[in-house]
Amino acid sequence: MDRRQEINDYLLNAPGHVAPLFLLGDCLEVLHSIPNDAVDCVITSPPYWGQRQYSGGGIGLEDSFQEYINGLLKITDQLYRVLKPTGSFWLNLGDTYRNKKLLGIPWRVSIKMMDDQNWILRNSVIWSKHKGGLNSSKDKLRNTHENIFHFVKDEKKYYYETSKIRSAPRKTIVKNGAVISATGVSGVRYKRQIELSTALTQEEKKNALQALNHVLDRISRHEIADFRMIIRGQQRTTHSDAEKVSGRAKELAQKGFYFLFYHPDGTLPSDVWEIIPEDTQKRKEHYAVYPEDLCKIPILATCPKQGIVLDPFSGSGTTALVALKHNRKSIGIDISAEYIEISKRRINEYKNENSGVLQLFNEE
């Protein structure tokens, strides 16, 4: 079957559980076969420049890092084309030292993408790996992190669902008749600070107490899990003092107080992800230590249930495997026939071990 037809057939398949589609070939050539605005989410970790010899050759073997960056930008340009306006692109890229110089490759690529290709950077995530490779250097720190960049095409239209990635919230309680927030805020201290304040007028005190009681009532109804109250002259502010810069500074100047509210469904993950790389010690094959957990937040947050995930450097198929586990279709591209076979084997093993779970997905 013609590759373009194969891709179109896969894209048009009915929603629901569909096995990943793996495509063998140079990713830039294969991407030309994918139609415009076709995928919902791109997650990938391209081979890093000059780090290792990957099976099948491909990007990362250039004579200079400038050539590497230029080659990578040709690919990100195609990814911009195939990504839907509502889509997201998550790029994990490691850096390289040459002649004692850290080259800053991830940021060089990121800035070029923003300046020359109209990508919008929403987050710069630090992947803290807890451990790094062996390092005999005596004149620099050990490196145990990598960059993950979250790009979008349209800052107003892109899909983002937070309910599946929030941490479990702590619950409010009622103690001795008083409503206490998830972290123990009862409002008694705030009330006392308002009453004794010399920085608030009587009218401001009245308004502050009324607003505080309203917030405590919302706590009792579980509309919010927690809050903080910033009172003029009492708490350290969380904003710029310039009213032209900060709306909170303006609110504090005009009203004498403001509130910070915490979501009842828990907090969002931060932009530092502490994820240990995959363990390769018990594997027959050696491939990149790209952990499954690195894909979970991107897929759950930025790929809708009926969406399609694309990994143009799919390697051993980790992105596709995580997409399958969360009932998303996916397309994986790799230049190595060996890696394609490893990917298919991993997918088949998961399907055989979890046929009941996959059947539930189909029935949803």
Protein backbone atom coordinates (compact mmCIF):
# COMPACT_ATOMS: atom_id res chain seq x y z
CA MET A 1 0.00 0.00 0.00
CA ASP A 2 1.16 3.52 -0.79
CA ARG A 3 2.49 5.21 2.37
CA ARG A 4 0.34 8.30 1.94
CA GLN A 5 -2.76 6.13 1.55
CA GLU A 6 -1.77 4.06 4.59
CA ILE A 7 -1.49 7.21 6.71
CA ASN A 8 -4.78 8.63 5.43
CA ASP A 9 -6.59 5.35 6.15
CA TYR A 10 -5.23 5.35 9.69
CA LEU A 11 -6.20 8.97 10.29
CA LEU A 12 -9.75 8.27 9.07
CA ASN A 13 -10.25 5.13 11.15
CA ALA A 14 -13.16 5.27 13.59
CA PRO A 15 -12.31 6.61 17.08
CA GLY A 16 -11.69 4.15 19.86
CA HIS A 17 -8.89 1.69 20.52
CA VAL A 18 -6.64 1.44 17.46
CA ALA A 19 -3.17 -0.09 17.48
CA PRO A 20 -0.30 2.35 16.80
CA LEU A 21 0.87 2.86 13.25
CA PHE A 22 4.65 2.50 12.86
CA LEU A 23 6.34 3.86 9.74
CA LEU A 24 9.88 2.98 8.70
CA GLY A 25 11.95 5.71 7.09
CA ASP A 26 13.68 9.06 7.47
CA CYS A 27 11.26 11.17 9.49
CA LEU A 28 11.56 14.25 7.25
CA GLU A 29 10.59 12.20 4.19
CA VAL A 30 7.77 10.42 6.02
CA LEU A 31 6.38 13.69 7.43
CA HIS A 32 5.87 14.93 3.87
CA SER A 33 3.31 12.12 3.49
CA ILE A 34 1.19 13.33 6.43
CA PRO A 35 -1.53 15.86 5.53
CA ASN A 36 -1.81 19.33 7.06
CA ASP A 37 -3.42 19.74 10.50
CA ALA A 38 -3.60 15.97 11.00
CA VAL A 39 -2.35 15.23 14.53
CA ASP A 40 -3.28 16.51 17.97
CA CYS A 41 -0.07 16.06 19.90
CA VAL A 42 3.61 15.55 19.05
CA ILE A 43 5.94 14.09 21.68
CA THR A 44 9.49 13.23 20.78
CA SER A 45 13.10 12.99 21.87
CA PRO A 46 15.36 13.30 18.81
CA PRO A 47 18.84 11.74 18.88
CA TYR A 48 21.17 14.19 20.60
CA TRP A 49 24.05 15.56 18.58
CA GLY A 50 27.27 13.54 18.78
CA GLN A 51 26.09 11.37 21.67
CA ARG A 52 25.90 7.88 20.17
CA GLN A 53 25.62 5.93 16.92
CA TYR A 54 21.97 5.08 16.47
CA SER A 55 20.88 2.05 14.48
CA GLY A 56 20.12 3.12 10.92
CA GLY A 57 22.09 6.37 11.09
CA GLY A 58 20.05 9.55 10.77
CA ILE A 59 20.11 12.89 12.57
CA GLY A 60 22.73 13.47 15.28
CA LEU A 61 25.76 12.41 13.26
CA GLU A 62 26.49 15.77 11.61
CA ASP A 63 30.00 17.23 11.60
CA SER A 64 28.88 20.36 13.47
CA PHE A 65 26.12 21.23 15.89
CA GLN A 66 25.01 24.00 13.52
CA GLU A 67 24.27 21.37 10.86
CA TYR A 68 22.42 19.34 13.48
CA ILE A 69 20.27 22.31 14.48
CA ASN A 70 19.49 23.18 10.85
CA GLY A 71 18.45 19.60 10.17
CA LEU A 72 16.26 19.51 13.26
CA LEU A 73 14.58 22.80 12.28
CA LYS A 74 13.58 21.32 8.92
CA ILE A 75 11.74 18.65 10.88
CA THR A 76 10.09 21.05 13.33
CA ASP A 77 8.90 23.07 10.36
CA GLN A 78 7.09 20.00 9.02
CA LEU A 79 5.73 19.24 12.48
CA TYR A 80 4.21 22.73 12.55
CA ARG A 81 2.42 21.89 9.31
CA VAL A 82 0.99 18.52 10.38
CA LEU A 83 -0.05 19.68 13.88
CA LYS A 84 -3.62 20.90 14.32
CA PRO A 85 -4.17 24.54 15.45
CA THR A 86 -5.40 23.04 18.74
CA GLY A 87 -2.31 20.85 19.06
CA SER A 88 0.80 20.76 21.24
CA PHE A 89 4.41 19.80 20.59
CA TRP A 90 6.55 18.46 23.47
CA LEU A 91 10.25 18.37 22.64
CA ASN A 92 12.80 16.63 24.87
CA LEU A 93 16.32 17.58 23.86
CA GLY A 94 19.62 17.00 25.60
CA ASP A 95 22.70 19.20 25.43
CA THR A 96 26.31 18.45 24.46
CA TYR A 97 29.77 19.51 25.64
CA ARG A 98 32.54 20.16 23.14
CA ASN A 99 36.01 21.35 24.18
CA LYS A 100 34.73 22.11 27.68
CA LYS A 101 31.91 24.23 26.26
CA LEU A 102 28.25 23.49 26.96
CA LEU A 103 26.70 24.32 23.59
CA GLY A 104 23.18 25.21 24.69
CA ILE A 105 21.64 23.22 21.85
CA PRO A 106 18.12 22.87 23.35
CA TRP A 107 17.75 26.63 23.74
CA ARG A 108 19.35 27.39 20.37
CA VAL A 109 16.73 25.15 18.74
CA SER A 110 13.89 26.53 20.85
CA ILE A 111 14.67 30.18 20.08
CA LYS A 112 15.00 29.44 16.36
CA MET A 113 11.63 27.72 16.43
CA MET A 114 10.03 30.77 18.05
CA ASP A 115 11.77 33.39 15.94
CA ASP A 116 11.73 31.70 12.53
CA GLN A 117 8.81 29.25 12.61
CA ASN A 118 6.17 31.01 14.75
CA TRP A 119 6.10 28.35 17.48
CA ILE A 120 4.79 29.63 20.82
CA LEU A 121 6.62 28.36 23.91
CA ARG A 122 4.19 27.67 26.78
CA ASN A 123 6.50 25.89 29.23
CA SER A 124 10.16 25.12 29.68
CA VAL A 125 10.19 21.95 31.77
CA ILE A 126 13.22 20.63 33.61
CA TRP A 127 13.43 16.84 33.63
CA SER A 128 15.32 15.99 36.81
CA LYS A 129 16.67 12.47 36.30
CA HIS A 130 18.08 12.08 39.85
CA LYS A 131 21.10 10.36 38.39
CA GLY A 132 23.45 11.04 35.52
CA GLY A 133 26.09 9.14 33.66
CA LEU A 134 29.58 8.55 34.97
CA ASN A 135 31.41 11.86 35.25
CA SER A 136 35.12 12.17 35.97
CA SER A 137 35.20 15.95 35.53
CA LYS A 138 36.85 17.97 38.28
CA ASP A 139 35.88 21.44 37.05
CA LYS A 140 32.09 21.32 36.60
CA LEU A 141 28.97 20.00 38.30
CA ARG A 142 27.35 16.68 37.43
CA ASN A 143 24.55 17.01 34.90
CA THR A 144 21.29 15.30 35.92
CA HIS A 145 18.67 17.23 33.98
CA GLU A 146 17.36 17.74 30.47
CA ASN A 147 14.97 20.21 28.86
CA ILE A 148 11.42 19.53 27.72
CA PHE A 149 9.74 22.35 25.79
CA HIS A 150 5.99 22.65 25.32
CA PHE A 151 5.13 24.48 22.10
CA VAL A 152 1.77 25.38 20.56
CA LYS A 153 0.69 27.01 17.28
CA ASP A 154 -2.09 29.16 18.75
CA GLU A 155 -1.92 30.41 22.34
CA LYS A 156 -5.72 30.80 22.55
CA LYS A 157 -6.97 27.69 20.75
CA TYR A 158 -4.74 24.88 21.95
CA TYR A 159 -6.34 21.98 23.83
CA TYR A 160 -5.37 21.67 27.49
CA GLU A 161 -7.20 19.47 30.02
CA THR A 162 -5.98 19.77 33.60
CA SER A 163 -8.39 17.43 35.42
CA LYS A 164 -6.34 14.29 34.68
CA ILE A 165 -2.98 15.68 35.76
CA ARG A 166 -3.79 17.43 39.04
CA SER A 167 -2.52 15.90 42.27
CA ALA A 168 -5.09 14.52 44.70
CA PRO A 169 -6.37 17.42 46.84
CA ARG A 170 -6.38 17.45 50.60
CA LYS A 171 -9.82 17.86 52.17
CA THR A 172 -11.31 20.62 54.29
CA ILE A 173 -12.43 19.69 57.80
CA VAL A 174 -14.71 21.07 60.49
CA LYS A 175 -13.07 21.30 63.89
CA ASN A 176 -14.78 22.68 67.00
CA GLY A 177 -17.41 24.20 64.76
CA ALA A 178 -14.87 26.05 62.63
CA VAL A 179 -14.24 25.35 58.96
CA ILE A 180 -10.55 24.64 58.38
CA SER A 181 -8.97 24.58 54.92
CA ALA A 182 -6.89 21.73 53.50
CA THR A 183 -3.69 23.17 55.01
CA GLY A 184 -5.17 24.25 58.32
CA VAL A 185 -6.33 27.81 57.61
CA SER A 186 -9.38 28.56 59.76
CA GLY A 187 -9.60 32.31 59.18
CA VAL A 188 -9.22 33.13 62.90
CA ARG A 189 -5.75 34.59 62.42
CA TYR A 190 -6.85 36.64 59.43
CA LYS A 191 -9.84 38.01 61.34
CA ARG A 192 -7.59 39.02 64.22
CA GLN A 193 -5.12 40.71 61.84
CA ILE A 194 -7.93 42.66 60.20
CA GLU A 195 -9.38 43.82 63.54
CA LEU A 196 -5.99 44.98 64.87
CA SER A 197 -4.76 46.50 61.62
CA THR A 198 -3.54 50.07 61.62
CA ALA A 199 -3.11 50.03 57.83
CA LEU A 200 -6.81 49.54 57.04
CA THR A 201 -9.62 52.06 57.40
CA GLN A 202 -12.80 51.05 59.24
CA GLU A 203 -14.60 50.66 55.94
CA GLU A 204 -11.79 48.48 54.59
CA LYS A 205 -11.88 46.34 57.74
CA LYS A 206 -15.62 45.85 57.34
CA ASN A 207 -15.23 44.85 53.69
CA ALA A 208 -12.29 42.54 54.44
CA LEU A 209 -14.19 40.67 57.18
CA GLN A 210 -17.21 40.31 54.93
CA ALA A 211 -15.09 38.95 52.08
CA LEU A 212 -13.25 36.55 54.43
CA ASN A 213 -16.54 35.12 55.75
CA HIS A 214 -17.69 34.59 52.18
CA VAL A 215 -14.48 32.68 51.38
CA LEU A 216 -14.86 30.50 54.49
CA ASP A 217 -18.40 29.72 53.39
CA ARG A 218 -17.05 28.61 50.00
CA ILE A 219 -14.56 26.37 51.83
CA SER A 220 -17.42 24.73 53.75
CA ARG A 221 -19.22 24.01 50.45
CA HIS A 222 -16.01 22.49 49.00
CA GLU A 223 -15.93 25.02 46.18
CA ILE A 224 -12.29 25.71 47.03
CA ALA A 225 -9.86 23.55 49.00
CA ASP A 226 -7.56 26.22 50.32
CA PHE A 227 -6.77 29.93 50.20
CA ARG A 228 -4.43 32.60 51.40
CA MET A 229 -5.38 36.15 52.32
CA ILE A 230 -2.96 39.00 51.74
CA ILE A 231 -3.73 41.99 53.99
CA ARG A 232 -2.10 45.38 53.59
CA GLY A 233 0.74 45.76 56.11
CA GLN A 234 0.55 42.13 57.29
CA GLN A 235 1.62 39.46 54.78
CA ARG A 236 4.53 39.54 52.37
CA THR A 237 3.05 40.27 48.96
CA THR A 238 3.32 37.84 46.05
CA HIS A 239 3.54 40.41 43.29
CA SER A 240 5.31 43.50 42.04
CA ASP A 241 4.61 46.62 44.08
CA ALA A 242 4.06 48.61 40.90
CA GLU A 243 0.33 49.05 40.32
CA LYS A 244 0.88 49.50 36.59
CA VAL A 245 2.53 46.08 36.46
CA SER A 246 0.45 44.04 38.91
CA GLY A 247 -3.31 43.82 39.24
CA ARG A 248 -2.85 42.45 42.76
CA ALA A 249 -0.81 45.49 43.76
CA LYS A 250 -3.65 47.66 42.50
CA GLU A 251 -6.22 45.58 44.38
CA LEU A 252 -4.18 45.79 47.58
CA ALA A 253 -3.88 49.58 47.24
CA GLN A 254 -7.58 50.09 46.54
CA LYS A 255 -9.19 47.49 48.84
CA GLY A 256 -6.50 46.68 51.39
CA PHE A 257 -6.60 42.92 50.76
CA TYR A 258 -6.85 40.17 48.17
CA PHE A 259 -7.14 36.35 48.10
CA LEU A 260 -5.17 33.52 46.53
CA PHE A 261 -7.34 30.47 45.83
CA TYR A 262 -6.36 26.83 45.42
CA HIS A 263 -8.24 24.47 43.12
CA PRO A 264 -10.51 21.89 44.84
CA ASP A 265 -9.27 19.13 42.49
CA GLY A 266 -5.65 19.56 43.57
CA THR A 267 -2.63 21.37 42.19
CA LEU A 268 -1.13 21.21 38.73
CA PRO A 269 2.30 19.62 38.24
CA SER A 270 5.20 22.03 38.36
CA ASP A 271 7.69 22.64 35.55
CA VAL A 272 10.26 20.42 37.27
CA TRP A 273 9.57 16.71 36.69
CA GLU A 274 11.46 14.24 38.86
CA ILE A 275 11.48 11.09 36.74
CA ILE A 276 14.12 8.37 36.87
CA PRO A 277 15.27 7.19 33.41
CA GLU A 278 14.23 3.73 32.27
CA ASP A 279 16.32 0.87 33.61
CA THR A 280 18.18 -0.84 30.77
CA GLN A 281 19.93 -3.45 32.90
CA LYS A 282 17.33 -6.20 32.36
CA ARG A 283 16.74 -5.62 28.66
CA LYS A 284 17.99 -7.76 25.82
CA GLU A 285 18.24 -4.71 23.56
CA HIS A 286 19.94 -1.42 24.38
CA TYR A 287 18.02 1.71 23.48
CA ALA A 288 17.56 5.24 24.75
CA VAL A 289 16.43 5.68 28.35
CA TYR A 290 13.22 7.53 27.50
CA PRO A 291 10.80 6.83 30.39
CA GLU A 292 7.07 6.25 30.04
CA ASP A 293 6.30 8.81 32.73
CA LEU A 294 7.75 11.52 30.49
CA CYS A 295 4.80 11.04 28.11
CA LYS A 296 1.92 10.83 30.57
CA ILE A 297 1.38 14.51 31.36
CA PRO A 298 1.69 15.62 27.71
CA ILE A 299 -0.79 12.98 26.51
CA LEU A 300 -3.34 13.42 29.30
CA ALA A 301 -3.18 17.21 29.24
CA THR A 302 -2.85 18.02 25.54
CA CYS A 303 -4.26 15.13 23.50
CA PRO A 304 -8.06 14.72 23.53
CA LYS A 305 -9.49 11.22 23.92
CA GLN A 306 -10.20 10.84 20.22
CA GLY A 307 -6.88 12.45 19.30
CA ILE A 308 -3.74 11.20 17.60
CA VAL A 309 -0.22 11.35 19.03
CA LEU A 310 2.82 11.55 16.74
CA ASP A 311 6.44 10.68 17.57
CA PRO A 312 8.75 11.37 14.59
CA PHE A 313 11.69 9.71 16.41
CA SER A 314 9.78 6.84 17.97
CA GLY A 315 12.78 4.68 18.84
CA SER A 316 11.58 1.74 20.93
CA GLY A 317 7.96 2.93 20.83
CA THR A 318 7.56 4.38 24.32
CA THR A 319 5.34 7.27 23.19
CA ALA A 320 3.08 4.87 21.28
CA LEU A 321 2.90 2.50 24.24
CA VAL A 322 1.83 5.25 26.64
CA ALA A 323 -0.68 6.53 24.09
CA LEU A 324 -2.15 3.02 23.83
CA LYS A 325 -2.34 2.71 27.62
CA HIS A 326 -4.42 5.90 27.64
CA ASN A 327 -6.59 4.91 24.66
CA ARG A 328 -5.08 7.32 22.12
CA LYS A 329 -4.16 6.51 18.54
CA SER A 330 -0.54 7.16 17.61
CA ILE A 331 1.90 7.26 14.73
CA GLY A 332 5.55 6.40 15.27
CA ILE A 333 8.31 7.08 12.72
CA ASP A 334 11.82 5.67 12.91
CA ILE A 335 14.71 5.14 10.52
CA SER A 336 15.71 1.88 12.20
CA ALA A 337 13.94 -1.36 11.21
CA GLU A 338 15.29 -2.89 14.41
CA TYR A 339 13.60 -0.25 16.56
CA ILE A 340 10.33 -0.63 14.64
CA GLU A 341 10.36 -4.35 15.42
CA ILE A 342 11.14 -3.68 19.09
CA SER A 343 8.23 -1.21 19.19
CA LYS A 344 5.79 -3.67 17.65
CA ARG A 345 6.89 -6.38 20.06
CA ARG A 346 6.37 -4.10 23.08
CA ILE A 347 2.91 -3.14 21.83
CA ASN A 348 1.92 -6.77 21.22
CA GLU A 349 3.16 -7.82 24.65
CA TYR A 350 1.08 -5.10 26.28
CA LYS A 351 -2.01 -6.00 24.22
CA ASN A 352 -1.69 -9.68 25.10
CA GLU A 353 -1.29 -8.93 28.80
CA ASN A 354 -4.09 -6.33 28.94
CA SER A 355 -6.74 -7.51 26.52
CA GLY A 356 -9.45 -6.96 29.14
CA VAL A 357 -8.43 -3.34 29.70
CA LEU A 358 -8.32 -2.65 25.98
CA GLN A 359 -11.78 -4.20 25.57
CA LEU A 360 -13.14 -1.77 28.17
CA PHE A 361 -11.62 1.08 26.17
CA ASN A 362 -13.45 -0.14 23.06
CA GLU A 363 -16.77 -0.20 24.90
CA GLU A 364 -16.49 3.38 26.16
